[in-house]
Amino acid sequence: MSRGKFGPDGFCQVIDPGSRFQGGSGRAERRKETRFPIPEDLVLEVRDESHDSISTEATVTTNISLGGAVVFTQFDSELGSFVRVKSKRHDVELLAIVRGRREGQETLPPYYRVR
């Protein structure tokens, strides 16, 4: 199935979804699932090796997919660390693993990719 994309002339172009590139960078996109830019209020709870709570932080997602979510955080957890993710609005709590992290830029705080 092809998807529409706007070209430089403002008209819609048909592109092959197998040839998707990330943000015009020329790098092929390797994501298995679509990311949805949904800001969702969450509470992150950092856990130790025994899964006991160490500290908590209110935060928000930047995007969500079937494979996980990206959340802003001030925590400094290592890859593979366990975090509890809580959504009061949906009345759900999940145990997730930090699978990626990136330092923030001047205008953005650091964030985690959790699954």
N, C-alpha and C. Protein backbone atom coordinates (compact mmCIF):
# COMPACT_ATOMS: atom_id res chain seq x y z
N MET A 1 0.85 -1.18 0.00
CA MET A 1 0.00 0.00 0.00
C MET A 1 0.89 1.24 0.00
N SER A 2 0.57 2.20 -0.78
CA SER A 2 1.34 3.43 -0.85
C SER A 2 0.75 4.47 0.08
N ARG A 3 1.60 5.41 0.48
CA ARG A 3 1.16 6.49 1.37
C ARG A 3 1.44 7.81 0.69
N GLY A 4 0.61 8.81 1.00
CA GLY A 4 0.80 10.14 0.43
C GLY A 4 1.80 10.95 1.23
N LYS A 5 2.51 11.82 0.52
CA LYS A 5 3.46 12.71 1.17
C LYS A 5 3.50 14.00 0.35
N PHE A 6 3.59 15.14 1.02
CA PHE A 6 3.64 16.41 0.31
C PHE A 6 5.05 16.68 -0.18
N GLY A 7 5.16 17.05 -1.44
CA GLY A 7 6.45 17.39 -2.03
C GLY A 7 6.74 18.86 -1.88
N PRO A 8 7.89 19.32 -2.41
CA PRO A 8 8.27 20.73 -2.27
C PRO A 8 7.32 21.68 -2.99
N ASP A 9 6.57 21.15 -3.97
CA ASP A 9 5.62 21.99 -4.69
C ASP A 9 4.27 22.09 -3.98
N GLY A 10 4.13 21.40 -2.84
CA GLY A 10 2.90 21.45 -2.07
C GLY A 10 1.86 20.42 -2.49
N PHE A 11 2.15 19.67 -3.56
CA PHE A 11 1.23 18.64 -4.00
C PHE A 11 1.57 17.30 -3.38
N CYS A 12 0.55 16.48 -3.22
CA CYS A 12 0.74 15.16 -2.62
C CYS A 12 1.49 14.25 -3.59
N GLN A 13 2.44 13.49 -3.07
CA GLN A 13 3.18 12.52 -3.86
C GLN A 13 2.88 11.14 -3.32
N VAL A 14 2.95 10.14 -4.17
CA VAL A 14 2.77 8.76 -3.74
C VAL A 14 4.15 8.15 -3.56
N ILE A 15 4.40 7.56 -2.38
CA ILE A 15 5.69 6.95 -2.12
C ILE A 15 5.49 5.51 -1.70
N ASP A 16 6.51 4.72 -1.87
CA ASP A 16 6.50 3.32 -1.46
C ASP A 16 6.83 3.27 0.02
N PRO A 17 5.97 2.67 0.87
CA PRO A 17 6.26 2.64 2.30
C PRO A 17 7.52 1.86 2.63
N GLY A 18 7.97 0.99 1.74
CA GLY A 18 9.21 0.25 1.98
C GLY A 18 10.44 1.12 1.82
N SER A 19 10.27 2.31 1.27
CA SER A 19 11.42 3.19 1.07
C SER A 19 11.37 4.40 1.97
N ARG A 20 10.78 4.25 3.14
CA ARG A 20 10.65 5.37 4.08
C ARG A 20 12.02 5.81 4.58
N PHE A 21 12.17 7.11 4.71
CA PHE A 21 13.38 7.67 5.28
C PHE A 21 13.01 8.54 6.45
N GLN A 22 13.91 8.62 7.41
CA GLN A 22 13.64 9.33 8.66
C GLN A 22 13.97 10.80 8.52
N GLY A 23 12.95 11.65 8.53
CA GLY A 23 13.13 13.09 8.60
C GLY A 23 14.00 13.70 7.52
N GLY A 24 14.05 13.11 6.34
CA GLY A 24 14.86 13.66 5.27
C GLY A 24 16.35 13.48 5.49
N SER A 25 16.74 12.65 6.46
CA SER A 25 18.15 12.48 6.77
C SER A 25 18.83 11.50 5.83
N GLY A 26 18.05 10.77 5.02
CA GLY A 26 18.64 9.78 4.14
C GLY A 26 18.85 8.44 4.81
N ARG A 27 18.54 8.34 6.11
CA ARG A 27 18.67 7.07 6.82
C ARG A 27 17.36 6.31 6.71
N ALA A 28 17.46 5.04 6.38
CA ALA A 28 16.24 4.23 6.29
C ALA A 28 15.65 4.05 7.68
N GLU A 29 14.35 4.12 7.76
CA GLU A 29 13.66 3.93 9.03
C GLU A 29 13.52 2.44 9.30
N ARG A 30 13.90 2.01 10.51
CA ARG A 30 13.89 0.59 10.84
C ARG A 30 12.80 0.23 11.84
N ARG A 31 11.91 1.12 12.12
CA ARG A 31 10.87 0.85 13.12
C ARG A 31 9.89 -0.19 12.61
N LYS A 32 9.51 -1.09 13.52
CA LYS A 32 8.52 -2.10 13.18
C LYS A 32 7.11 -1.56 13.34
N GLU A 33 6.93 -0.67 14.31
CA GLU A 33 5.61 -0.11 14.59
C GLU A 33 5.61 1.40 14.37
N THR A 34 4.46 1.92 14.04
CA THR A 34 4.29 3.36 13.87
C THR A 34 4.32 4.03 15.24
N ARG A 35 5.00 5.17 15.31
CA ARG A 35 4.99 5.98 16.53
C ARG A 35 3.89 7.01 16.43
N PHE A 36 3.15 7.17 17.52
CA PHE A 36 2.08 8.14 17.57
C PHE A 36 2.46 9.26 18.54
N PRO A 37 2.42 10.52 18.10
CA PRO A 37 2.81 11.64 18.96
C PRO A 37 1.71 11.97 19.97
N ILE A 38 1.59 11.12 20.97
CA ILE A 38 0.53 11.28 21.97
C ILE A 38 1.16 11.67 23.31
N PRO A 39 0.92 12.89 23.78
CA PRO A 39 1.41 13.25 25.11
C PRO A 39 0.49 12.66 26.18
N GLU A 40 1.02 11.78 26.99
CA GLU A 40 0.25 11.13 28.04
C GLU A 40 0.94 11.38 29.38
N ASP A 41 0.21 11.92 30.35
CA ASP A 41 0.76 12.14 31.68
C ASP A 41 1.00 10.80 32.37
N LEU A 42 2.20 10.63 32.89
CA LEU A 42 2.59 9.39 33.56
C LEU A 42 3.35 9.69 34.83
N VAL A 43 3.49 8.68 35.66
CA VAL A 43 4.40 8.72 36.79
C VAL A 43 5.41 7.60 36.57
N LEU A 44 6.70 7.95 36.60
CA LEU A 44 7.77 6.96 36.51
C LEU A 44 8.26 6.66 37.91
N GLU A 45 8.51 5.42 38.17
CA GLU A 45 9.02 4.99 39.47
C GLU A 45 10.26 4.14 39.20
N VAL A 46 11.42 4.61 39.62
CA VAL A 46 12.66 3.85 39.42
C VAL A 46 12.71 2.71 40.42
N ARG A 47 13.09 1.53 39.93
CA ARG A 47 13.14 0.33 40.76
C ARG A 47 14.58 -0.16 40.87
N ASP A 48 14.89 -0.82 41.97
CA ASP A 48 16.21 -1.43 42.11
C ASP A 48 16.15 -2.89 41.64
N GLU A 49 17.23 -3.64 41.84
CA GLU A 49 17.31 -5.03 41.38
C GLU A 49 16.24 -5.91 42.02
N SER A 50 15.80 -5.54 43.22
CA SER A 50 14.75 -6.29 43.92
C SER A 50 13.35 -5.79 43.54
N HIS A 51 13.29 -4.86 42.59
CA HIS A 51 12.05 -4.25 42.12
C HIS A 51 11.38 -3.38 43.19
N ASP A 52 12.18 -2.91 44.16
CA ASP A 52 11.67 -1.97 45.16
C ASP A 52 11.79 -0.55 44.62
N SER A 53 10.83 0.31 44.98
CA SER A 53 10.82 1.68 44.50
C SER A 53 11.95 2.49 45.15
N ILE A 54 12.68 3.25 44.33
CA ILE A 54 13.75 4.12 44.81
C ILE A 54 13.28 5.57 44.80
N SER A 55 12.67 6.02 43.68
CA SER A 55 12.15 7.38 43.58
C SER A 55 11.10 7.45 42.48
N THR A 56 10.29 8.53 42.51
CA THR A 56 9.23 8.71 41.53
C THR A 56 9.31 10.09 40.90
N GLU A 57 8.71 10.21 39.72
CA GLU A 57 8.72 11.47 38.99
C GLU A 57 7.49 11.55 38.08
N ALA A 58 6.81 12.67 38.08
CA ALA A 58 5.72 12.91 37.12
C ALA A 58 6.34 13.34 35.81
N THR A 59 5.85 12.79 34.70
CA THR A 59 6.43 13.07 33.39
C THR A 59 5.36 12.95 32.32
N VAL A 60 5.77 13.03 31.06
CA VAL A 60 4.85 12.94 29.93
C VAL A 60 5.54 12.20 28.79
N THR A 61 4.76 11.46 28.00
CA THR A 61 5.32 10.78 26.83
C THR A 61 5.48 11.77 25.69
N THR A 62 6.44 11.49 24.81
CA THR A 62 6.56 12.26 23.57
C THR A 62 5.94 11.49 22.43
N ASN A 63 6.05 10.16 22.48
CA ASN A 63 5.37 9.32 21.50
C ASN A 63 5.18 7.93 22.08
N ILE A 64 4.22 7.21 21.50
CA ILE A 64 3.86 5.88 21.96
C ILE A 64 3.72 4.97 20.75
N SER A 65 4.17 3.72 20.88
CA SER A 65 3.96 2.71 19.84
C SER A 65 3.66 1.38 20.51
N LEU A 66 3.38 0.36 19.72
CA LEU A 66 3.17 -0.97 20.28
C LEU A 66 4.43 -1.47 20.97
N GLY A 67 5.59 -0.98 20.55
CA GLY A 67 6.86 -1.43 21.12
C GLY A 67 7.31 -0.67 22.34
N GLY A 68 6.59 0.37 22.75
CA GLY A 68 6.99 1.12 23.93
C GLY A 68 6.64 2.59 23.81
N ALA A 69 7.38 3.39 24.57
CA ALA A 69 7.11 4.83 24.61
C ALA A 69 8.41 5.58 24.89
N VAL A 70 8.43 6.84 24.52
CA VAL A 70 9.53 7.73 24.86
C VAL A 70 8.98 8.72 25.88
N VAL A 71 9.68 8.85 27.01
CA VAL A 71 9.23 9.72 28.09
C VAL A 71 10.36 10.64 28.52
N PHE A 72 10.02 11.90 28.80
CA PHE A 72 10.99 12.83 29.37
C PHE A 72 11.25 12.43 30.82
N THR A 73 12.50 12.58 31.28
CA THR A 73 12.81 12.26 32.67
C THR A 73 14.09 12.94 33.12
N GLN A 74 14.20 13.16 34.41
CA GLN A 74 15.43 13.67 35.01
C GLN A 74 16.21 12.53 35.66
N PHE A 75 15.65 11.31 35.65
CA PHE A 75 16.35 10.16 36.23
C PHE A 75 17.59 9.82 35.42
N ASP A 76 18.54 9.17 36.08
CA ASP A 76 19.79 8.78 35.43
C ASP A 76 19.96 7.27 35.52
N SER A 77 18.96 6.53 35.11
CA SER A 77 19.02 5.06 35.17
C SER A 77 19.79 4.51 33.98
N GLU A 78 20.42 3.37 34.20
CA GLU A 78 21.18 2.70 33.16
C GLU A 78 20.26 1.90 32.24
N LEU A 79 20.75 1.57 31.04
CA LEU A 79 20.00 0.69 30.16
C LEU A 79 19.78 -0.63 30.87
N GLY A 80 18.60 -1.19 30.71
CA GLY A 80 18.26 -2.44 31.37
C GLY A 80 17.64 -2.26 32.74
N SER A 81 17.60 -1.03 33.24
CA SER A 81 16.98 -0.76 34.54
C SER A 81 15.47 -0.94 34.45
N PHE A 82 14.87 -1.34 35.56
CA PHE A 82 13.42 -1.48 35.62
C PHE A 82 12.80 -0.18 36.11
N VAL A 83 11.71 0.23 35.47
CA VAL A 83 10.93 1.38 35.92
C VAL A 83 9.45 0.97 35.90
N ARG A 84 8.71 1.47 36.87
CA ARG A 84 7.27 1.26 36.86
C ARG A 84 6.66 2.48 36.20
N VAL A 85 5.77 2.26 35.24
CA VAL A 85 5.09 3.32 34.52
C VAL A 85 3.63 3.30 34.94
N LYS A 86 3.13 4.44 35.44
CA LYS A 86 1.75 4.51 35.93
C LYS A 86 0.98 5.58 35.18
N SER A 87 -0.22 5.23 34.76
CA SER A 87 -1.13 6.19 34.15
C SER A 87 -2.40 6.23 35.00
N LYS A 88 -2.62 7.36 35.67
CA LYS A 88 -3.83 7.49 36.49
C LYS A 88 -5.08 7.58 35.60
N ARG A 89 -4.94 8.26 34.47
CA ARG A 89 -6.10 8.44 33.59
C ARG A 89 -6.64 7.11 33.09
N HIS A 90 -5.74 6.17 32.80
CA HIS A 90 -6.17 4.86 32.30
C HIS A 90 -6.16 3.79 33.38
N ASP A 91 -5.80 4.19 34.61
CA ASP A 91 -5.76 3.27 35.75
C ASP A 91 -4.96 2.01 35.41
N VAL A 92 -3.71 2.23 34.98
CA VAL A 92 -2.85 1.11 34.61
C VAL A 92 -1.44 1.34 35.14
N GLU A 93 -0.79 0.25 35.53
CA GLU A 93 0.61 0.27 35.96
C GLU A 93 1.34 -0.83 35.22
N LEU A 94 2.51 -0.50 34.68
CA LEU A 94 3.31 -1.46 33.93
C LEU A 94 4.73 -1.46 34.44
N LEU A 95 5.37 -2.60 34.43
CA LEU A 95 6.80 -2.68 34.71
C LEU A 95 7.50 -2.65 33.37
N ALA A 96 8.39 -1.69 33.17
CA ALA A 96 9.06 -1.51 31.89
C ALA A 96 10.57 -1.55 32.09
N ILE A 97 11.28 -1.71 30.99
CA ILE A 97 12.74 -1.74 31.00
C ILE A 97 13.24 -0.57 30.17
N VAL A 98 14.25 0.13 30.67
CA VAL A 98 14.87 1.22 29.92
C VAL A 98 15.66 0.60 28.77
N ARG A 99 15.25 0.86 27.53
CA ARG A 99 15.89 0.29 26.35
C ARG A 99 16.71 1.32 25.58
N GLY A 100 16.58 2.56 25.92
CA GLY A 100 17.35 3.61 25.26
C GLY A 100 17.28 4.86 26.10
N ARG A 101 18.29 5.70 25.97
CA ARG A 101 18.27 6.99 26.67
C ARG A 101 19.09 7.97 25.87
N ARG A 102 18.69 9.21 25.96
CA ARG A 102 19.40 10.25 25.22
C ARG A 102 19.43 11.49 26.09
N GLU A 103 20.57 12.13 26.10
CA GLU A 103 20.70 13.38 26.83
C GLU A 103 19.86 14.45 26.15
N GLY A 104 19.33 15.36 26.95
CA GLY A 104 18.49 16.42 26.41
C GLY A 104 19.31 17.45 25.65
N GLN A 105 18.60 18.26 24.89
CA GLN A 105 19.22 19.37 24.19
C GLN A 105 18.94 20.63 25.00
N GLU A 106 19.32 21.77 24.48
CA GLU A 106 19.13 23.02 25.21
C GLU A 106 17.67 23.24 25.62
N THR A 107 16.75 22.88 24.74
CA THR A 107 15.34 23.15 25.00
C THR A 107 14.57 21.94 25.49
N LEU A 108 15.18 20.76 25.50
CA LEU A 108 14.49 19.54 25.90
C LEU A 108 15.23 18.82 27.01
N PRO A 109 14.50 18.23 27.96
CA PRO A 109 15.16 17.43 29.00
C PRO A 109 15.58 16.07 28.44
N PRO A 110 16.39 15.32 29.19
CA PRO A 110 16.74 13.97 28.77
C PRO A 110 15.50 13.09 28.70
N TYR A 111 15.60 11.99 27.95
CA TYR A 111 14.45 11.09 27.90
C TYR A 111 14.89 9.64 27.82
N TYR A 112 13.95 8.74 28.12
CA TYR A 112 14.13 7.29 28.04
C TYR A 112 13.22 6.73 26.97
N ARG A 113 13.64 5.63 26.40
CA ARG A 113 12.77 4.80 25.58
C ARG A 113 12.50 3.55 26.41
N VAL A 114 11.26 3.29 26.76
CA VAL A 114 10.92 2.18 27.65
C VAL A 114 10.00 1.20 26.94
N ARG A 115 10.11 -0.06 27.34
CA ARG A 115 9.24 -1.13 26.82
C ARG A 115 8.70 -1.92 27.95
